[in-house]
Amino acid sequence: MASSLKNLSDYDPALIPDGSSMKIGIVVSEWNEAITSALLEGAMNTLQKHGVKRENISIRTVPGSFELSFGARIVAEQSTPNAVICLGCVIQGETPHFDYICQGITLGITELNLDYDIPFIFGVLTTLNLQQAEDRCGGKHGNKGDEAAITALKMVGLITTAS
């Protein structure tokens, strides 16, 4: 859905599950660090706002967004979280490299969701330019790190209520 049509940074907190018993892993790309650090800050603030204890949040960095899938698998296997949030930013350049990286990230995170019994959250910006990325990491379209955290909490809640 287009960011202009829905902004999960504006949401009803009453609809978000309590995170006080949750363990959340976060894997964040170092590439486009000004953007990804803002995404991480948004995710952390939102998780803690909804009760996730700081000591129950495991953060790992990877060099680029393509490495998020591998990093997320390592986090899932080593720290046994209830969910893993993948944060990255890919900005289109002049070559088809953008398309290959975005497709690889998407398929990798999808595969993790199918192979593990926990949700892996796609918090990767795939933008045409830097301004679009800035607009989505705390700018006019909110912070997609917030949205990834909300999605993680809701998906863990879905698992909990389905059990």
Foldseek 3Di string as FASTA:
>chain_A
DDLVVDFCLDDDLVPFAQCQPFAEEEEFECVVVVLRVLLQVLLVVLNVVRRHDPVSYHYHYDHALLCQLVVQVCCCVPVVGQEYEYAHEDEDDDDCPLVVSVVSNVVSQVVVCVPDPHHYFDLYHSYHDPVVSVCASPRVSHDSSNVSNRVRRVRSVVVVVVD
